[in-house]
C-alpha atoms as a PDB file:
ATOM      1  CA  MET A   1      85.812  56.539  -2.699  1.00  0.00           C
ATOM      2  CA  ILE A   2      88.424  56.028  -5.922  1.00  0.00           C
ATOM      3  CA  LYS A   3      88.462  52.097  -5.203  1.00  0.00           C
ATOM      4  CA  LYS A   4      83.980  52.771  -4.901  1.00  0.00           C
ATOM      5  CA  LEU A   5      84.183  54.904  -7.679  1.00  0.00           C
ATOM      6  CA  SER A   6      86.362  52.183 -10.150  1.00  0.00           C
ATOM      7  CA  LEU A   7      84.090  49.448  -8.689  1.00  0.00           C
ATOM      8  CA  ILE A   8      80.954  51.137 -10.628  1.00  0.00           C
ATOM      9  CA  LEU A   9      82.828  51.623 -13.788  1.00  0.00           C
ATOM     10  CA  LEU A  10      84.004  47.928 -13.722  1.00  0.00           C
ATOM     11  CA  ILE A  11      80.477  46.893 -12.721  1.00  0.00           C
ATOM     12  CA  THR A  12      78.102  49.312 -14.707  1.00  0.00           C
ATOM     13  CA  LEU A  13      80.991  48.325 -18.497  1.00  0.00           C
ATOM     14  CA  GLY A  14      80.436  44.678 -16.799  1.00  0.00           C
ATOM     15  CA  LEU A  15      76.702  45.691 -17.502  1.00  0.00           C
ATOM     16  CA  SER A  16      77.420  46.838 -20.963  1.00  0.00           C
ATOM     17  CA  THR A  17      79.127  43.685 -22.028  1.00  0.00           C
ATOM     18  CA  ASN A  18      76.060  40.805 -21.052  1.00  0.00           C
ATOM     19  CA  ALA A  19      73.891  43.540 -22.638  1.00  0.00           C
ATOM     20  CA  GLN A  20      75.879  43.625 -25.322  1.00  0.00           C
ATOM     21  CA  SER A  21      76.395  39.921 -25.153  1.00  0.00           C
ATOM     22  CA  GLN A  22      72.512  39.462 -25.682  1.00  0.00           C
ATOM     23  CA  MET A  23      71.916  41.649 -28.614  1.00  0.00           C
ATOM     24  CA  SER A  24      71.005  39.915 -31.690  1.00  0.00           C
ATOM     25  CA  ASP A  25      73.062  38.769 -33.893  1.00  0.00           C
ATOM     26  CA  ASP A  26      72.729  40.680 -36.611  1.00  0.00           C
ATOM     27  CA  ILE A  27      73.629  44.044 -34.768  1.00  0.00           C
ATOM     28  CA  ASN A  28      77.129  44.775 -35.483  1.00  0.00           C
ATOM     29  CA  LEU A  29      78.748  47.077 -32.457  1.00  0.00           C
ATOM     30  CA  GLU A  30      81.121  48.132 -34.582  1.00  0.00           C
ATOM     31  CA  GLU A  31      79.095  50.244 -36.790  1.00  0.00           C
ATOM     32  CA  PHE A  32      77.678  53.075 -34.871  1.00  0.00           C
ATOM     33  CA  THR A  33      73.749  52.534 -35.544  1.00  0.00           C
ATOM     34  CA  THR A  34      70.827  53.381 -32.953  1.00  0.00           C
ATOM     35  CA  ALA A  35      70.280  50.001 -32.338  1.00  0.00           C
ATOM     36  CA  ASN A  36      73.342  49.659 -30.409  1.00  0.00           C
ATOM     37  CA  ILE A  37      75.126  53.621 -30.192  1.00  0.00           C
ATOM     38  CA  TYR A  38      73.663  53.061 -26.685  1.00  0.00           C
ATOM     39  CA  PHE A  39      76.733  51.173 -25.855  1.00  0.00           C
ATOM     40  CA  HIS A  40      78.922  53.364 -26.814  1.00  0.00           C
ATOM     41  CA  MET A  41      77.854  56.192 -25.882  1.00  0.00           C
ATOM     42  CA  GLY A  42      77.669  54.205 -22.576  1.00  0.00           C
ATOM     43  CA  VAL A  43      81.328  54.063 -22.426  1.00  0.00           C
ATOM     44  CA  VAL A  44      81.309  57.964 -23.376  1.00  0.00           C
ATOM     45  CA  ALA A  45      79.061  58.288 -20.316  1.00  0.00           C
ATOM     46  CA  ALA A  46      81.415  55.769 -18.262  1.00  0.00           C
ATOM     47  CA  PHE A  47      84.880  57.830 -19.321  1.00  0.00           C
ATOM     48  CA  ALA A  48      83.077  61.651 -18.025  1.00  0.00           C
ATOM     49  CA  GLU A  49      82.363  60.010 -14.942  1.00  0.00           C
ATOM     50  CA  VAL A  50      85.561  58.880 -13.877  1.00  0.00           C
ATOM     51  CA  VAL A  51      87.348  62.018 -15.543  1.00  0.00           C
ATOM     52  CA  LYS A  52      84.925  64.075 -13.887  1.00  0.00           C
ATOM     53  CA  TYR A  53      85.555  62.224 -10.303  1.00  0.00           C
ATOM     54  CA  ASP A  54      89.463  62.666 -10.172  1.00  0.00           C
ATOM     55  CA  VAL A  55      90.096  58.764 -10.855  1.00  0.00           C
ATOM     56  CA  LYS A  56      91.561  59.088 -14.358  1.00  0.00           C
ATOM     57  CA  GLN A  57      92.827  62.387 -15.849  1.00  0.00           C
ATOM     58  CA  ILE A  58      91.787  61.960 -19.841  1.00  0.00           C
ATOM     59  CA  GLY A  59      89.487  59.235 -21.210  1.00  0.00           C
ATOM     60  CA  LEU A  60      89.217  57.969 -24.316  1.00  0.00           C
ATOM     61  CA  SER A  61      85.956  57.655 -26.817  1.00  0.00           C
ATOM     62  CA  GLU A  62      85.877  54.609 -29.896  1.00  0.00           C
ATOM     63  CA  MET A  63      87.142  55.296 -31.915  1.00  0.00           C
ATOM     64  CA  PHE A  64      84.635  57.199 -35.351  1.00  0.00           C
ATOM     65  CA  THR A  65      85.282  57.312 -38.912  1.00  0.00           C
ATOM     66  CA  ALA A  66      84.803  60.944 -39.447  1.00  0.00           C
ATOM     67  CA  GLU A  67      81.895  60.817 -41.049  1.00  0.00           C
ATOM     68  CA  GLU A  68      80.577  58.860 -37.464  1.00  0.00           C
ATOM     69  CA  ALA A  69      82.386  61.457 -35.283  1.00  0.00           C
ATOM     70  CA  ASP A  70      80.305  64.381 -37.161  1.00  0.00           C
ATOM     71  CA  LYS A  71      76.736  62.170 -36.724  1.00  0.00           C
ATOM     72  CA  TRP A  72      77.672  61.802 -32.828  1.00  0.00           C
ATOM     73  CA  GLU A  73      79.099  65.030 -32.221  1.00  0.00           C
ATOM     74  CA  THR A  74      76.810  66.880 -30.089  1.00  0.00           C
ATOM     75  CA  VAL A  75      75.783  63.665 -28.505  1.00  0.00           C
ATOM     76  CA  ILE A  76      78.819  63.018 -27.073  1.00  0.00           C
ATOM     77  CA  THR A  77      79.488  66.637 -26.044  1.00  0.00           C
ATOM     78  CA  HIS A  78      75.999  66.800 -24.196  1.00  0.00           C
ATOM     79  CA  ILE A  79      77.658  63.421 -22.418  1.00  0.00           C
ATOM     80  CA  THR A  80      80.054  65.757 -21.359  1.00  0.00           C
ATOM     81  CA  ASP A  81      78.668  68.607 -20.653  1.00  0.00           C
ATOM     82  CA  ARG A  82      76.525  67.242 -18.572  1.00  0.00           C
ATOM     83  CA  ASN A  83      79.632  65.944 -16.277  1.00  0.00           C
ATOM     84  CA  ASP A  84      81.018  69.304 -16.811  1.00  0.00           C
ATOM     85  CA  VAL A  85      83.835  67.975 -18.332  1.00  0.00           C
ATOM     86  CA  LEU A  86      85.120  68.480 -21.278  1.00  0.00           C
ATOM     87  CA  ASN A  87      85.232  66.800 -24.544  1.00  0.00           C
ATOM     88  CA  TYR A  88      88.628  67.098 -27.600  1.00  0.00           C
ATOM     89  CA  ARG A  89      87.908  65.807 -30.970  1.00  0.00           C
ATOM     90  CA  GLU A  90      90.972  64.051 -32.692  1.00  0.00           C
ATOM     91  CA  SER A  91      91.969  63.190 -35.703  1.00  0.00           C
ATOM     92  CA  ASP A  92      95.304  62.468 -36.011  1.00  0.00           C
ATOM     93  CA  PHE A  93      95.490  60.405 -32.728  1.00  0.00           C
ATOM     94  CA  LEU A  94      99.522  60.091 -30.309  1.00  0.00           C
ATOM     95  CA  VAL A  95     100.141  57.343 -31.456  1.00  0.00           C
ATOM     96  CA  THR A  96     102.492  55.337 -28.836  1.00  0.00           C
ATOM     97  CA  ASP A  97     104.254  52.020 -28.196  1.00  0.00           C
ATOM     98  CA  LEU A  98     101.900  51.260 -26.199  1.00  0.00           C
ATOM     99  CA  PHE A  99      98.627  51.149 -28.298  1.00  0.00           C
ATOM    100  CA  PRO A 100      99.167  49.215 -32.138  1.00  0.00           C
ATOM    101  CA  ALA A 101      98.809  52.379 -34.620  1.00  0.00           C
ATOM    102  CA  SER A 102      96.488  50.483 -37.033  1.00  0.00           C
ATOM    103  CA  ILE A 103      94.183  50.677 -34.073  1.00  0.00           C
ATOM    104  CA  THR A 104      93.372  54.833 -34.392  1.00  0.00           C
ATOM    105  CA  ASP A 105      94.851  54.633 -38.349  1.00  0.00           C
ATOM    106  CA  GLY A 106      92.538  56.747 -39.904  1.00  0.00           C
ATOM    107  CA  LYS A 107      89.670  57.500 -37.323  1.00  0.00           C
ATOM    108  CA  THR A 108      88.711  60.312 -35.254  1.00  0.00           C
ATOM    109  CA  LEU A 109      88.254  59.873 -31.537  1.00  0.00           C
ATOM    110  CA  PHE A 110      87.347  62.117 -28.277  1.00  0.00           C
ATOM    111  CA  LEU A 111      89.748  62.472 -25.663  1.00  0.00           C
ATOM    112  CA  ILE A 112      87.469  63.101 -22.528  1.00  0.00           C
ATOM    113  CA  TYR A 113      89.420  65.585 -19.810  1.00  0.00           C
ATOM    114  CA  LYS A 114      88.964  68.396 -17.636  1.00  0.00           C
ATOM    115  CA  GLY A 115      91.368  70.710 -16.439  1.00  0.00           C
ATOM    116  CA  ASP A 116      95.525  71.592 -18.485  1.00  0.00           C
ATOM    117  CA  THR A 117      95.045  67.945 -19.412  1.00  0.00           C
ATOM    118  CA  LEU A 118      94.529  68.726 -22.835  1.00  0.00           C
ATOM    119  CA  ASP A 119      97.584  70.559 -22.222  1.00  0.00           C
ATOM    120  CA  LYS A 120      98.935  67.673 -21.271  1.00  0.00           C
ATOM    121  CA  TYR A 121      98.389  66.192 -23.744  1.00  0.00           C
ATOM    122  CA  LEU A 122      99.071  68.607 -27.046  1.00  0.00           C
ATOM    123  CA  ALA A 123     102.761  69.259 -25.354  1.00  0.00           C
ATOM    124  CA  LEU A 124     103.034  65.267 -25.527  1.00  0.00           C
ATOM    125  CA  LYS A 125     102.428  65.331 -28.770  1.00  0.00           C
ATOM    126  CA  ALA A 126     104.388  67.955 -29.301  1.00  0.00           C
ATOM    127  CA  ARG A 127     106.961  66.451 -27.917  1.00  0.00           C
ATOM    128  CA  LYS A 128     106.840  63.734 -29.981  1.00  0.00           C
ATOM    129  CA  ALA A 129     107.355  65.724 -33.579  1.00  0.00           C
ATOM    130  CA  GLU A 130     110.283  67.439 -32.124  1.00  0.00           C
ATOM    131  CA  LEU A 131     112.210  64.380 -31.547  1.00  0.00           C
ATOM    132  CA  ILE A 132     110.832  62.908 -34.324  1.00  0.00           C
ATOM    133  CA  ALA A 133     112.680  66.474 -35.519  1.00  0.00           C
ATOM    134  CA  GLN A 134     116.299  65.537 -33.685  1.00  0.00           C
ATOM    135  CA  ASN A 135     116.407  61.808 -35.295  1.00  0.00           C
ATOM    136  CA  LYS A 136     115.914  61.206 -31.916  1.00  0.00           C
ATOM    137  CA  TYR A 137     113.121  58.889 -31.507  1.00  0.00           C
ATOM    138  CA  ASP A 138     114.839  56.109 -30.513  1.00  0.00           C
ATOM    139  CA  GLN A 139     114.330  53.330 -28.500  1.00  0.00           C
ATOM    140  CA  ALA A 140     114.730  55.772 -25.533  1.00  0.00           C
ATOM    141  CA  GLY A 141     112.428  58.425 -26.894  1.00  0.00           C
ATOM    142  CA  ARG A 142     109.867  55.752 -27.914  1.00  0.00           C
ATOM    143  CA  ARG A 143     109.675  54.823 -24.179  1.00  0.00           C
ATOM    144  CA  GLU A 144     109.367  58.447 -22.884  1.00  0.00           C
ATOM    145  CA  ILE A 145     106.179  59.303 -24.901  1.00  0.00           C
ATOM    146  CA  ALA A 146     104.766  55.657 -24.373  1.00  0.00           C
ATOM    147  CA  GLU A 147     105.001  56.573 -20.474  1.00  0.00           C
ATOM    148  CA  GLY A 148     104.546  60.230 -20.766  1.00  0.00           C
ATOM    149  CA  PHE A 149     101.279  59.395 -22.505  1.00  0.00           C
ATOM    150  CA  GLY A 150     100.574  55.378 -19.976  1.00  0.00           C
ATOM    151  CA  ALA A 151     100.481  58.278 -16.999  1.00  0.00           C
ATOM    152  CA  LEU A 152      97.972  60.723 -18.851  1.00  0.00           C
ATOM    153  CA  LEU A 153      95.985  57.855 -18.788  1.00  0.00           C
ATOM    154  CA  ASP A 154      96.951  56.585 -15.136  1.00  0.00           C
ATOM    155  CA  TYR A 155      98.497  53.644 -15.898  1.00  0.00           C
ATOM    156  CA  SER A 156     100.389  51.252 -13.640  1.00  0.00           C
ATOM    157  CA  GLN A 157     103.935  51.423 -14.337  1.00  0.00           C
ATOM    158  CA  GLU A 158     103.439  47.134 -14.772  1.00  0.00           C
ATOM    159  CA  ALA A 159     100.720  48.389 -17.098  1.00  0.00           C
ATOM    160  CA  ILE A 160     102.088  50.465 -19.040  1.00  0.00           C
ATOM    161  CA  ASP A 161     105.607  47.782 -19.590  1.00  0.00           C
ATOM    162  CA  ARG A 162     102.874  45.049 -19.769  1.00  0.00           C
ATOM    163  CA  LEU A 163     101.572  47.160 -22.454  1.00  0.00           C
ATOM    164  CA  ILE A 164     104.826  48.224 -24.268  1.00  0.00           C
ATOM    165  CA  ALA A 165     106.081  44.398 -24.827  1.00  0.00           C
ATOM    166  CA  SER A 166     102.802  43.146 -25.757  1.00  0.00           C
ATOM    167  CA  ASN A 167     102.881  45.771 -29.275  1.00  0.00           C
ATOM    168  CA  GLY A 168     106.957  44.705 -29.846  1.00  0.00           C
ATOM    169  CA  ALA A 169     108.620  47.461 -28.740  1.00  0.00           C
ATOM    170  CA  GLY A 170     110.090  46.412 -24.535  1.00  0.00           C
ATOM    171  CA  ASP A 171     113.316  46.981 -23.587  1.00  0.00           C
END
């Protein structure tokens, strides 16, 4: 079942990518306009579906400016409601060694989740703050938080290791 859902997700994203590549050159996908929002909301819909069917614990929307998030939040809520999952608007995203901090700096995104996953995410943020306050956010502490977040994202250990290494934070 999970393999089938993963295949469906890959096909859906592949079709979105093909549609994206066929767009005229004057459409900038980095801008959230009515001309391209279907692409960005398609990402939200895909993650809402895989969270709904327990393929992933959590999905992440595209990064928005605060103004863009205000504009599209109603649509995101409609998509998550339709899929019987929840969303959480996050403007202070958990920065770990999985991704460069620059991709979320000053941005807002929506976490797509169900059940107690938001509590797990917030607990991980609190744990990071605790490690920082105790002056223990060293290599081991950074690894703990990155691996914890990778697990929430349902990444394999190999993927987590690869992401950490690609960000220059490997062991």
